[in-house]
Amino acid sequence: MSIQLWENSSASQQYEIVQAKAFKSFLALSSCIIFLYINVVMLFTLRSKPVFSQTPRYILLYNLLFADTIQLALGQLLYILAAARVYMVRYVCLIITTITIITTGISPLNLAVMSLERYVAVCYPLRHASIITIRGTTTAVAVIWAICLVKQLISLLTLLFLETMPLHNLMQGFCAKHAIYHQKILEDFDSGFMYTVFVFVGVVIICSYFGVIISARSASTGKASANKALKTVLLHMFQLVLTLLSTLVTSIIAALHGKVDQITITRMYYVFFVFLVNLPRSLSCLIYGLRDQTIRSLLVQHLCFCLRHHMMPAGHLNKH
């Protein structure tokens, strides 16, 4: 009798664990799908009018949103594969992690350029159009991508030179950056690059913030415009901090191994994934799409149209 009760209790506990895992996976997946949907509609919105492709700050916003959307999609793909316990071939994981690392470096550098654009708009309003040009903005975007591509190309060539395990082998664990770029020299190189980028971008954003504050105190600068720019630069700093924390998730989890139990690590990884990986990639649309009046009206219009289109009965669509 006692054995049967123990078996029933064990089965009940296992069922509750499976239910909890399924619920967490559902929350992570559903929230990511919603954010991906909004991001994609936002990307479409930023290409729906000529003014967006001819305005430097919208060009920068598109680049930031594009990089964030790629990270969000690939991160969710890896999460689904890990939750389903699907292992992939090493070279497929290499391609996915390489793209993720490249776009991870693009986001903070793009934030630095966006902060400088706001600084010039407030501090030099009469010269803004001549300083921040479309050609200069596209060149800055190209330089950002080139820096991240060259850095990752160096890491990739170093990996191919040092790697002893064939890349066509099936992985023994889940796909992650530390599972592919596991050599210490590559980890040190990646950490050094990212810390340098975050320090540089942090200095740029802080300098832009104080520059706008100084200009806001002068009589020649519009108070409303300066206050809006201050809030935007502060939001850039907030995004930068979240992005920095998202790059430290792997290090935090690795440091906790052996110090806390596996259940706690799994729960912390879930919280980190939702709030430090997904959330920073989803803030761009919420911050700029809702604050900018030009984008907001079109974004709401496109979102409502897409929702009506998907919810409309098939017979009604055929009539049109």
C-alpha atoms as a PDB file:
ATOM      1  CA  MET A   1       0.000   0.000   0.000  1.00  0.00           C
ATOM      2  CA  SER A   2       2.779   2.434   0.922  1.00  0.00           C
ATOM      3  CA  ILE A   3       4.625   1.594  -2.298  1.00  0.00           C
ATOM      4  CA  GLN A   4       1.515   2.352  -4.341  1.00  0.00           C
ATOM      5  CA  LEU A   5       1.029   5.683  -2.561  1.00  0.00           C
ATOM      6  CA  TRP A   6       4.672   6.580  -3.206  1.00  0.00           C
ATOM      7  CA  GLU A   7       4.296   5.709  -6.897  1.00  0.00           C
ATOM      8  CA  ASN A   8       1.126   7.805  -7.164  1.00  0.00           C
ATOM      9  CA  SER A   9       2.857  10.731  -5.429  1.00  0.00           C
ATOM     10  CA  SER A  10       5.872  10.413  -7.717  1.00  0.00           C
ATOM     11  CA  ALA A  11       3.681  10.278 -10.831  1.00  0.00           C
ATOM     12  CA  SER A  12       1.750  13.333  -9.606  1.00  0.00           C
ATOM     13  CA  GLN A  13       4.978  15.288  -9.043  1.00  0.00           C
ATOM     14  CA  GLN A  14       6.270  14.358 -12.490  1.00  0.00           C
ATOM     15  CA  TYR A  15       2.963  15.442 -14.038  1.00  0.00           C
ATOM     16  CA  GLU A  16       3.163  18.802 -12.250  1.00  0.00           C
ATOM     17  CA  ILE A  17       6.756  19.291 -13.456  1.00  0.00           C
ATOM     18  CA  VAL A  18       5.728  18.540 -17.049  1.00  0.00           C
ATOM     19  CA  GLN A  19       2.790  20.934 -16.737  1.00  0.00           C
ATOM     20  CA  ALA A  20       5.031  23.700 -15.365  1.00  0.00           C
ATOM     21  CA  LYS A  21       7.541  23.209 -18.186  1.00  0.00           C
ATOM     22  CA  ALA A  22       4.780  23.245 -20.793  1.00  0.00           C
ATOM     23  CA  PHE A  23       3.270  26.423 -19.308  1.00  0.00           C
ATOM     24  CA  LYS A  24       6.634  28.203 -19.227  1.00  0.00           C
ATOM     25  CA  SER A  25       7.380  27.167 -22.817  1.00  0.00           C
ATOM     26  CA  PHE A  26       3.945  28.417 -23.878  1.00  0.00           C
ATOM     27  CA  LEU A  27       4.496  31.805 -22.215  1.00  0.00           C
ATOM     28  CA  ALA A  28       7.964  32.207 -23.736  1.00  0.00           C
ATOM     29  CA  LEU A  29       6.799  31.112 -27.183  1.00  0.00           C
ATOM     30  CA  SER A  30       3.594  33.165 -27.240  1.00  0.00           C
ATOM     31  CA  SER A  31       5.293  36.356 -26.030  1.00  0.00           C
ATOM     32  CA  CYS A  32       8.068  35.936 -28.586  1.00  0.00           C
ATOM     33  CA  ILE A  33       5.588  35.344 -31.424  1.00  0.00           C
ATOM     34  CA  ILE A  34       3.693  38.497 -30.453  1.00  0.00           C
ATOM     35  CA  PHE A  35       6.876  40.580 -30.339  1.00  0.00           C
ATOM     36  CA  LEU A  36       8.100  39.081 -33.616  1.00  0.00           C
ATOM     37  CA  TYR A  37       4.778  39.883 -35.244  1.00  0.00           C
ATOM     38  CA  ILE A  38       4.902  43.503 -34.038  1.00  0.00           C
ATOM     39  CA  ASN A  39       8.551  43.843 -35.100  1.00  0.00           C
ATOM     40  CA  VAL A  40       7.847  42.525 -38.588  1.00  0.00           C
ATOM     41  CA  VAL A  41       4.889  44.881 -38.989  1.00  0.00           C
ATOM     42  CA  MET A  42       7.113  47.714 -37.744  1.00  0.00           C
ATOM     43  CA  LEU A  43       9.767  46.832 -40.337  1.00  0.00           C
ATOM     44  CA  PHE A  44       7.081  46.858 -43.019  1.00  0.00           C
ATOM     45  CA  THR A  45       5.815  50.221 -41.736  1.00  0.00           C
ATOM     46  CA  LEU A  46       9.311  51.729 -41.981  1.00  0.00           C
ATOM     47  CA  ARG A  47       9.371  50.763 -45.673  1.00  0.00           C
ATOM     48  CA  SER A  48       5.782  51.789 -46.450  1.00  0.00           C
ATOM     49  CA  LYS A  49       6.469  55.521 -46.959  1.00  0.00           C
ATOM     50  CA  PRO A  50       9.329  57.296 -48.786  1.00  0.00           C
ATOM     51  CA  VAL A  51       9.829  59.631 -45.814  1.00  0.00           C
ATOM     52  CA  PHE A  52      11.090  56.752 -43.665  1.00  0.00           C
ATOM     53  CA  SER A  53      13.776  55.712 -46.153  1.00  0.00           C
ATOM     54  CA  GLN A  54      14.808  59.354 -46.653  1.00  0.00           C
ATOM     55  CA  THR A  55      15.110  60.327 -42.980  1.00  0.00           C
ATOM     56  CA  PRO A  56      18.370  59.395 -41.181  1.00  0.00           C
ATOM     57  CA  ARG A  57      16.827  58.571 -37.785  1.00  0.00           C
ATOM     58  CA  TYR A  58      14.308  56.209 -39.382  1.00  0.00           C
ATOM     59  CA  ILE A  59      17.108  54.519 -41.328  1.00  0.00           C
ATOM     60  CA  LEU A  60      18.951  53.948 -38.056  1.00  0.00           C
ATOM     61  CA  LEU A  61      15.771  52.708 -36.384  1.00  0.00           C
ATOM     62  CA  TYR A  62      15.192  50.218 -39.209  1.00  0.00           C
ATOM     63  CA  ASN A  63      18.723  48.880 -38.841  1.00  0.00           C
ATOM     64  CA  LEU A  64      18.322  48.492 -35.065  1.00  0.00           C
ATOM     65  CA  LEU A  65      14.940  46.812 -35.425  1.00  0.00           C
ATOM     66  CA  PHE A  66      16.232  44.510 -38.173  1.00  0.00           C
ATOM     67  CA  ALA A  67      19.126  43.299 -35.991  1.00  0.00           C
ATOM     68  CA  ASP A  68      16.847  42.884 -32.954  1.00  0.00           C
ATOM     69  CA  THR A  69      14.306  40.890 -34.980  1.00  0.00           C
ATOM     70  CA  ILE A  70      16.979  38.490 -36.251  1.00  0.00           C
ATOM     71  CA  GLN A  71      18.244  37.948 -32.688  1.00  0.00           C
ATOM     72  CA  LEU A  72      14.708  37.435 -31.408  1.00  0.00           C
ATOM     73  CA  ALA A  73      13.848  34.892 -34.116  1.00  0.00           C
ATOM     74  CA  LEU A  74      17.078  32.899 -33.789  1.00  0.00           C
ATOM     75  CA  GLY A  75      16.941  32.977 -29.986  1.00  0.00           C
ATOM     76  CA  GLN A  76      13.408  31.609 -30.050  1.00  0.00           C
ATOM     77  CA  LEU A  77      14.430  28.926 -32.564  1.00  0.00           C
ATOM     78  CA  LEU A  78      17.223  27.730 -30.270  1.00  0.00           C
ATOM     79  CA  TYR A  79      14.876  27.810 -27.272  1.00  0.00           C
ATOM     80  CA  ILE A  80      12.292  25.650 -29.073  1.00  0.00           C
ATOM     81  CA  LEU A  81      14.948  23.156 -30.185  1.00  0.00           C
ATOM     82  CA  ALA A  82      16.355  22.951 -26.654  1.00  0.00           C
ATOM     83  CA  ALA A  83      12.872  22.529 -25.123  1.00  0.00           C
ATOM     84  CA  ALA A  84      12.126  19.763 -27.632  1.00  0.00           C
ATOM     85  CA  ARG A  85      15.559  18.221 -26.940  1.00  0.00           C
ATOM     86  CA  VAL A  86      16.524  18.364 -30.610  1.00  0.00           C
ATOM     87  CA  TYR A  87      20.253  18.214 -31.327  1.00  0.00           C
ATOM     88  CA  MET A  88      21.668  19.619 -34.545  1.00  0.00           C
ATOM     89  CA  VAL A  89      24.762  19.204 -36.678  1.00  0.00           C
ATOM     90  CA  ARG A  90      27.644  21.372 -35.507  1.00  0.00           C
ATOM     91  CA  TYR A  91      28.004  23.433 -38.675  1.00  0.00           C
ATOM     92  CA  VAL A  92      24.278  24.364 -38.593  1.00  0.00           C
ATOM     93  CA  CYS A  93      24.714  25.559 -35.019  1.00  0.00           C
ATOM     94  CA  LEU A  94      27.838  27.431 -36.130  1.00  0.00           C
ATOM     95  CA  ILE A  95      25.864  29.353 -38.764  1.00  0.00           C
ATOM     96  CA  ILE A  96      23.065  30.259 -36.327  1.00  0.00           C
ATOM     97  CA  THR A  97      25.375  31.357 -33.503  1.00  0.00           C
ATOM     98  CA  THR A  98      27.587  33.341 -35.900  1.00  0.00           C
ATOM     99  CA  ILE A  99      24.603  35.353 -37.175  1.00  0.00           C
ATOM    100  CA  THR A 100      23.417  35.886 -33.594  1.00  0.00           C
ATOM    101  CA  ILE A 101      26.830  37.157 -32.455  1.00  0.00           C
ATOM    102  CA  ILE A 102      27.059  39.564 -35.404  1.00  0.00           C
ATOM    103  CA  THR A 103      23.655  41.112 -34.744  1.00  0.00           C
ATOM    104  CA  THR A 104      24.385  41.287 -31.001  1.00  0.00           C
ATOM    105  CA  GLY A 105      27.282  43.644 -31.726  1.00  0.00           C
ATOM    106  CA  ILE A 106      25.246  45.739 -34.166  1.00  0.00           C
ATOM    107  CA  SER A 107      22.551  46.776 -31.668  1.00  0.00           C
ATOM    108  CA  PRO A 108      24.750  48.737 -29.188  1.00  0.00           C
ATOM    109  CA  LEU A 109      26.791  50.401 -31.958  1.00  0.00           C
ATOM    110  CA  ASN A 110      23.566  51.471 -33.632  1.00  0.00           C
ATOM    111  CA  LEU A 111      22.366  52.956 -30.324  1.00  0.00           C
ATOM    112  CA  ALA A 112      25.531  55.081 -30.189  1.00  0.00           C
ATOM    113  CA  VAL A 113      24.884  56.521 -33.655  1.00  0.00           C
ATOM    114  CA  MET A 114      21.229  57.162 -32.775  1.00  0.00           C
ATOM    115  CA  SER A 115      22.296  59.060 -29.639  1.00  0.00           C
ATOM    116  CA  LEU A 116      24.707  61.189 -31.664  1.00  0.00           C
ATOM    117  CA  GLU A 117      21.934  61.944 -34.157  1.00  0.00           C
ATOM    118  CA  ARG A 118      19.681  63.198 -31.352  1.00  0.00           C
ATOM    119  CA  TYR A 119      22.560  65.248 -29.917  1.00  0.00           C
ATOM    120  CA  VAL A 120      23.146  66.983 -33.259  1.00  0.00           C
ATOM    121  CA  ALA A 121      19.392  67.525 -33.744  1.00  0.00           C
ATOM    122  CA  VAL A 122      19.122  69.390 -30.415  1.00  0.00           C
ATOM    123  CA  CYS A 123      22.503  71.115 -30.182  1.00  0.00           C
ATOM    124  CA  TYR A 124      22.902  72.063 -33.853  1.00  0.00           C
ATOM    125  CA  PRO A 125      19.353  72.248 -35.230  1.00  0.00           C
ATOM    126  CA  LEU A 126      20.259  74.580 -38.097  1.00  0.00           C
ATOM    127  CA  ARG A 127      23.112  72.353 -39.260  1.00  0.00           C
ATOM    128  CA  HIS A 128      21.422  69.033 -38.556  1.00  0.00           C
ATOM    129  CA  ALA A 129      20.385  68.442 -42.178  1.00  0.00           C
ATOM    130  CA  SER A 130      23.915  69.120 -43.451  1.00  0.00           C
ATOM    131  CA  ILE A 131      25.669  67.030 -40.755  1.00  0.00           C
ATOM    132  CA  ILE A 132      23.279  64.066 -40.565  1.00  0.00           C
ATOM    133  CA  THR A 133      22.739  63.180 -44.220  1.00  0.00           C
ATOM    134  CA  ILE A 134      21.255  60.076 -45.810  1.00  0.00           C
ATOM    135  CA  ARG A 135      24.618  59.206 -47.338  1.00  0.00           C
ATOM    136  CA  GLY A 136      26.415  59.659 -44.030  1.00  0.00           C
ATOM    137  CA  THR A 137      23.803  57.571 -42.202  1.00  0.00           C
ATOM    138  CA  THR A 138      23.981  54.681 -44.675  1.00  0.00           C
ATOM    139  CA  THR A 139      27.781  54.842 -44.463  1.00  0.00           C
ATOM    140  CA  ALA A 140      27.574  54.637 -40.652  1.00  0.00           C
ATOM    141  CA  VAL A 141      25.259  51.615 -40.918  1.00  0.00           C
ATOM    142  CA  ALA A 142      27.656  49.957 -43.377  1.00  0.00           C
ATOM    143  CA  VAL A 143      30.613  50.620 -41.051  1.00  0.00           C
ATOM    144  CA  ILE A 144      28.704  49.094 -38.097  1.00  0.00           C
ATOM    145  CA  TRP A 145      28.002  45.922 -40.076  1.00  0.00           C
ATOM    146  CA  ALA A 146      31.584  45.816 -41.386  1.00  0.00           C
ATOM    147  CA  ILE A 147      33.067  46.043 -37.866  1.00  0.00           C
ATOM    148  CA  CYS A 148      30.900  43.185 -36.587  1.00  0.00           C
ATOM    149  CA  LEU A 149      31.437  41.058 -39.714  1.00  0.00           C
ATOM    150  CA  VAL A 150      35.239  41.455 -39.635  1.00  0.00           C
ATOM    151  CA  LYS A 151      35.368  40.686 -35.918  1.00  0.00           C
ATOM    152  CA  GLN A 152      33.306  37.532 -36.377  1.00  0.00           C
ATOM    153  CA  LEU A 153      35.273  36.506 -39.456  1.00  0.00           C
ATOM    154  CA  ILE A 154      38.439  36.567 -37.334  1.00  0.00           C
ATOM    155  CA  SER A 155      36.708  34.403 -34.704  1.00  0.00           C
ATOM    156  CA  LEU A 156      35.435  32.008 -37.365  1.00  0.00           C
ATOM    157  CA  LEU A 157      38.848  31.560 -39.014  1.00  0.00           C
ATOM    158  CA  THR A 158      40.443  31.030 -35.601  1.00  0.00           C
ATOM    159  CA  LEU A 159      37.796  28.441 -34.751  1.00  0.00           C
ATOM    160  CA  LEU A 160      38.350  26.536 -38.010  1.00  0.00           C
ATOM    161  CA  PHE A 161      42.104  26.547 -37.360  1.00  0.00           C
ATOM    162  CA  LEU A 162      41.870  25.372 -33.732  1.00  0.00           C
ATOM    163  CA  GLU A 163      38.830  23.082 -33.844  1.00  0.00           C
ATOM    164  CA  THR A 164      39.665  19.376 -33.625  1.00  0.00           C
ATOM    165  CA  MET A 165      36.111  17.984 -33.703  1.00  0.00           C
ATOM    166  CA  PRO A 166      34.583  17.699 -37.219  1.00  0.00           C
ATOM    167  CA  LEU A 167      31.829  20.231 -37.866  1.00  0.00           C
ATOM    168  CA  HIS A 168      29.629  17.646 -39.592  1.00  0.00           C
ATOM    169  CA  ASN A 169      29.246  15.682 -36.328  1.00  0.00           C
ATOM    170  CA  LEU A 170      26.029  15.744 -34.334  1.00  0.00           C
ATOM    171  CA  MET A 171      26.254  17.926 -31.228  1.00  0.00           C
ATOM    172  CA  GLN A 172      26.261  16.221 -27.829  1.00  0.00           C
ATOM    173  CA  GLY A 173      24.368  19.109 -26.222  1.00  0.00           C
ATOM    174  CA  PHE A 174      22.108  22.006 -27.134  1.00  0.00           C
ATOM    175  CA  CYS A 175      23.209  24.639 -29.636  1.00  0.00           C
ATOM    176  CA  ALA A 176      24.707  27.696 -27.929  1.00  0.00           C
ATOM    177  CA  LYS A 177      27.569  30.111 -28.454  1.00  0.00           C
ATOM    178  CA  HIS A 178      29.731  28.582 -25.731  1.00  0.00           C
ATOM    179  CA  ALA A 179      29.172  25.107 -27.208  1.00  0.00           C
ATOM    180  CA  ILE A 180      30.708  26.121 -30.567  1.00  0.00           C
ATOM    181  CA  TYR A 181      33.150  28.922 -29.726  1.00  0.00           C
ATOM    182  CA  HIS A 182      34.425  27.086 -26.667  1.00  0.00           C
ATOM    183  CA  GLN A 183      38.174  27.786 -26.960  1.00  0.00           C
ATOM    184  CA  LYS A 184      39.425  30.157 -24.274  1.00  0.00           C
ATOM    185  CA  ILE A 185      41.146  32.441 -26.780  1.00  0.00           C
ATOM    186  CA  LEU A 186      37.832  32.899 -28.618  1.00  0.00           C
ATOM    187  CA  GLU A 187      35.938  33.524 -25.393  1.00  0.00           C
ATOM    188  CA  ASP A 188      38.505  36.138 -24.329  1.00  0.00           C
ATOM    189  CA  PHE A 189      38.445  37.779 -27.762  1.00  0.00           C
ATOM    190  CA  ASP A 190      34.633  37.939 -27.840  1.00  0.00           C
ATOM    191  CA  SER A 191      34.443  39.255 -24.259  1.00  0.00           C
ATOM    192  CA  GLY A 192      37.113  41.875 -24.926  1.00  0.00           C
ATOM    193  CA  PHE A 193      35.334  43.071 -28.067  1.00  0.00           C
ATOM    194  CA  MET A 194      31.911  43.265 -26.439  1.00  0.00           C
ATOM    195  CA  TYR A 195      33.184  45.025 -23.293  1.00  0.00           C
ATOM    196  CA  THR A 196      35.050  47.540 -25.472  1.00  0.00           C
ATOM    197  CA  VAL A 197      31.893  48.164 -27.503  1.00  0.00           C
ATOM    198  CA  PHE A 198      29.739  48.633 -24.402  1.00  0.00           C
ATOM    199  CA  VAL A 199      32.220  51.017 -22.773  1.00  0.00           C
ATOM    200  CA  PHE A 200      32.525  53.040 -26.001  1.00  0.00           C
ATOM    201  CA  VAL A 201      28.767  53.187 -26.547  1.00  0.00           C
ATOM    202  CA  GLY A 202      28.154  54.003 -22.880  1.00  0.00           C
ATOM    203  CA  VAL A 203      30.563  56.957 -23.082  1.00  0.00           C
ATOM    204  CA  VAL A 204      28.910  58.189 -26.290  1.00  0.00           C
ATOM    205  CA  ILE A 205      25.407  58.004 -24.798  1.00  0.00           C
ATOM    206  CA  ILE A 206      26.451  59.703 -21.531  1.00  0.00           C
ATOM    207  CA  CYS A 207      28.251  62.491 -23.403  1.00  0.00           C
ATOM    208  CA  SER A 208      25.207  62.941 -25.669  1.00  0.00           C
ATOM    209  CA  TYR A 209      22.958  63.125 -22.622  1.00  0.00           C
ATOM    210  CA  PHE A 210      24.980  65.833 -20.897  1.00  0.00           C
ATOM    211  CA  GLY A 211      25.388  67.679 -24.192  1.00  0.00           C
ATOM    212  CA  VAL A 212      21.624  67.808 -24.584  1.00  0.00           C
ATOM    213  CA  ILE A 213      21.230  68.951 -20.941  1.00  0.00           C
ATOM    214  CA  ILE A 214      23.641  71.837 -21.514  1.00  0.00           C
ATOM    215  CA  SER A 215      21.840  72.830 -24.714  1.00  0.00           C
ATOM    216  CA  ALA A 216      18.454  72.590 -23.000  1.00  0.00           C
ATOM    217  CA  ARG A 217      19.515  75.306 -20.570  1.00  0.00           C
ATOM    218  CA  SER A 218      20.283  77.743 -23.372  1.00  0.00           C
ATOM    219  CA  ALA A 219      17.573  80.038 -24.650  1.00  0.00           C
ATOM    220  CA  SER A 220      18.187  79.065 -28.285  1.00  0.00           C
ATOM    221  CA  THR A 221      17.053  75.472 -27.833  1.00  0.00           C
ATOM    222  CA  GLY A 222      13.406  74.421 -27.776  1.00  0.00           C
ATOM    223  CA  LYS A 223      12.586  73.036 -24.340  1.00  0.00           C
ATOM    224  CA  ALA A 224      10.073  70.500 -25.650  1.00  0.00           C
ATOM    225  CA  SER A 225      12.495  69.172 -28.257  1.00  0.00           C
ATOM    226  CA  ALA A 226      15.352  68.985 -25.746  1.00  0.00           C
ATOM    227  CA  ASN A 227      13.226  67.180 -23.140  1.00  0.00           C
ATOM    228  CA  LYS A 228      12.082  64.646 -25.720  1.00  0.00           C
ATOM    229  CA  ALA A 229      15.682  64.094 -26.807  1.00  0.00           C
ATOM    230  CA  LEU A 230      16.749  63.602 -23.168  1.00  0.00           C
ATOM    231  CA  LYS A 231      14.121  60.906 -22.699  1.00  0.00           C
ATOM    232  CA  THR A 232      15.209  59.226 -25.925  1.00  0.00           C
ATOM    233  CA  VAL A 233      18.876  59.174 -24.909  1.00  0.00           C
ATOM    234  CA  LEU A 234      17.937  57.777 -21.480  1.00  0.00           C
ATOM    235  CA  LEU A 235      15.978  55.039 -23.211  1.00  0.00           C
ATOM    236  CA  HIS A 236      19.078  54.301 -25.302  1.00  0.00           C
ATOM    237  CA  MET A 237      21.048  53.856 -22.082  1.00  0.00           C
ATOM    238  CA  PHE A 238      18.352  51.585 -20.663  1.00  0.00           C
ATOM    239  CA  GLN A 239      18.451  49.468 -23.830  1.00  0.00           C
ATOM    240  CA  LEU A 240      22.238  49.314 -23.636  1.00  0.00           C
ATOM    241  CA  VAL A 241      22.151  48.057 -20.028  1.00  0.00           C
ATOM    242  CA  LEU A 242      19.613  45.363 -20.923  1.00  0.00           C
ATOM    243  CA  THR A 243      21.670  44.320 -23.954  1.00  0.00           C
ATOM    244  CA  LEU A 244      24.790  44.107 -21.789  1.00  0.00           C
ATOM    245  CA  LEU A 245      22.952  41.951 -19.259  1.00  0.00           C
ATOM    246  CA  SER A 246      21.715  39.660 -22.043  1.00  0.00           C
ATOM    247  CA  THR A 247      25.315  38.978 -23.126  1.00  0.00           C
ATOM    248  CA  LEU A 248      26.167  38.001 -19.536  1.00  0.00           C
ATOM    249  CA  VAL A 249      23.411  35.370 -19.187  1.00  0.00           C
ATOM    250  CA  THR A 250      25.698  32.489 -20.178  1.00  0.00           C
ATOM    251  CA  SER A 251      28.419  33.649 -17.771  1.00  0.00           C
ATOM    252  CA  ILE A 252      25.927  34.045 -14.914  1.00  0.00           C
ATOM    253  CA  ILE A 253      24.455  30.567 -15.478  1.00  0.00           C
ATOM    254  CA  ALA A 254      27.935  29.020 -15.742  1.00  0.00           C
ATOM    255  CA  ALA A 255      28.999  30.685 -12.478  1.00  0.00           C
ATOM    256  CA  LEU A 256      25.945  29.264 -10.688  1.00  0.00           C
ATOM    257  CA  HIS A 257      26.633  25.660 -11.694  1.00  0.00           C
ATOM    258  CA  GLY A 258      27.562  23.635  -8.617  1.00  0.00           C
ATOM    259  CA  LYS A 259      26.385  26.375  -6.250  1.00  0.00           C
ATOM    260  CA  VAL A 260      22.620  25.946  -6.687  1.00  0.00           C
ATOM    261  CA  ASP A 261      20.482  22.981  -7.703  1.00  0.00           C
ATOM    262  CA  GLN A 262      19.536  22.274 -11.326  1.00  0.00           C
ATOM    263  CA  ILE A 263      15.870  23.191 -10.828  1.00  0.00           C
ATOM    264  CA  THR A 264      16.836  26.686  -9.636  1.00  0.00           C
ATOM    265  CA  ILE A 265      19.234  27.098 -12.574  1.00  0.00           C
ATOM    266  CA  THR A 266      16.487  26.080 -15.003  1.00  0.00           C
ATOM    267  CA  ARG A 267      14.060  28.584 -13.489  1.00  0.00           C
ATOM    268  CA  MET A 268      16.653  31.367 -13.557  1.00  0.00           C
ATOM    269  CA  TYR A 269      17.515  30.573 -17.169  1.00  0.00           C
ATOM    270  CA  TYR A 270      13.837  30.877 -18.084  1.00  0.00           C
ATOM    271  CA  VAL A 271      13.552  34.268 -16.336  1.00  0.00           C
ATOM    272  CA  PHE A 272      16.775  35.475 -17.995  1.00  0.00           C
ATOM    273  CA  PHE A 273      15.573  34.292 -21.394  1.00  0.00           C
ATOM    274  CA  VAL A 274      12.276  36.167 -21.162  1.00  0.00           C
ATOM    275  CA  PHE A 275      13.449  39.384 -19.493  1.00  0.00           C
ATOM    276  CA  LEU A 276      17.113  39.714 -20.565  1.00  0.00           C
ATOM    277  CA  VAL A 277      17.077  38.077 -24.005  1.00  0.00           C
ATOM    278  CA  ASN A 278      13.589  38.569 -25.453  1.00  0.00           C
ATOM    279  CA  LEU A 279      12.609  41.858 -23.814  1.00  0.00           C
ATOM    280  CA  PRO A 280      15.610  43.987 -24.957  1.00  0.00           C
ATOM    281  CA  ARG A 281      15.029  42.812 -28.566  1.00  0.00           C
ATOM    282  CA  SER A 282      11.393  43.883 -28.329  1.00  0.00           C
ATOM    283  CA  LEU A 283      11.801  47.327 -26.769  1.00  0.00           C
ATOM    284  CA  SER A 284      12.786  49.180 -29.963  1.00  0.00           C
ATOM    285  CA  CYS A 285       9.334  48.819 -31.466  1.00  0.00           C
ATOM    286  CA  LEU A 286       7.574  49.758 -28.208  1.00  0.00           C
ATOM    287  CA  ILE A 287       9.859  52.723 -27.503  1.00  0.00           C
ATOM    288  CA  TYR A 288      10.011  54.300 -30.950  1.00  0.00           C
ATOM    289  CA  GLY A 289       6.840  52.979 -32.547  1.00  0.00           C
ATOM    290  CA  LEU A 290       4.583  54.318 -29.811  1.00  0.00           C
ATOM    291  CA  ARG A 291       6.483  57.542 -29.063  1.00  0.00           C
ATOM    292  CA  ASP A 292       6.834  58.728 -32.657  1.00  0.00           C
ATOM    293  CA  GLN A 293       3.557  60.179 -33.918  1.00  0.00           C
ATOM    294  CA  THR A 294       4.457  59.613 -37.578  1.00  0.00           C
ATOM    295  CA  ILE A 295       5.157  55.923 -37.021  1.00  0.00           C
ATOM    296  CA  ARG A 296       2.448  55.313 -34.417  1.00  0.00           C
ATOM    297  CA  SER A 297      -0.543  56.042 -36.637  1.00  0.00           C
ATOM    298  CA  LEU A 298       0.783  53.879 -39.498  1.00  0.00           C
ATOM    299  CA  LEU A 299       1.884  51.091 -37.150  1.00  0.00           C
ATOM    300  CA  VAL A 300      -1.550  50.873 -35.522  1.00  0.00           C
ATOM    301  CA  GLN A 301      -3.168  50.993 -38.959  1.00  0.00           C
ATOM    302  CA  HIS A 302      -1.015  48.123 -40.286  1.00  0.00           C
ATOM    303  CA  LEU A 303      -1.435  46.065 -37.120  1.00  0.00           C
ATOM    304  CA  CYS A 304      -5.219  46.428 -37.229  1.00  0.00           C
ATOM    305  CA  PHE A 305      -5.302  45.616 -40.948  1.00  0.00           C
ATOM    306  CA  CYS A 306      -3.237  42.453 -40.465  1.00  0.00           C
ATOM    307  CA  LEU A 307      -5.415  41.339 -37.550  1.00  0.00           C
ATOM    308  CA  ARG A 308      -8.621  41.940 -39.525  1.00  0.00           C
ATOM    309  CA  HIS A 309      -7.129  40.134 -42.521  1.00  0.00           C
ATOM    310  CA  HIS A 310      -6.246  37.043 -40.456  1.00  0.00           C
ATOM    311  CA  MET A 311      -9.549  36.981 -38.568  1.00  0.00           C
ATOM    312  CA  MET A 312     -11.739  37.583 -41.627  1.00  0.00           C
ATOM    313  CA  PRO A 313     -13.639  34.498 -42.857  1.00  0.00           C
ATOM    314  CA  ALA A 314     -12.409  32.871 -46.060  1.00  0.00           C
ATOM    315  CA  GLY A 315     -15.751  33.419 -47.809  1.00  0.00           C
ATOM    316  CA  HIS A 316     -15.614  37.136 -47.098  1.00  0.00           C
ATOM    317  CA  LEU A 317     -12.092  37.338 -48.545  1.00  0.00           C
ATOM    318  CA  ASN A 318     -13.197  35.605 -51.728  1.00  0.00           C
ATOM    319  CA  LYS A 319     -15.862  38.251 -52.291  1.00  0.00           C
ATOM    320  CA  HIS A 320     -13.110  40.821 -52.562  1.00  0.00           C
END
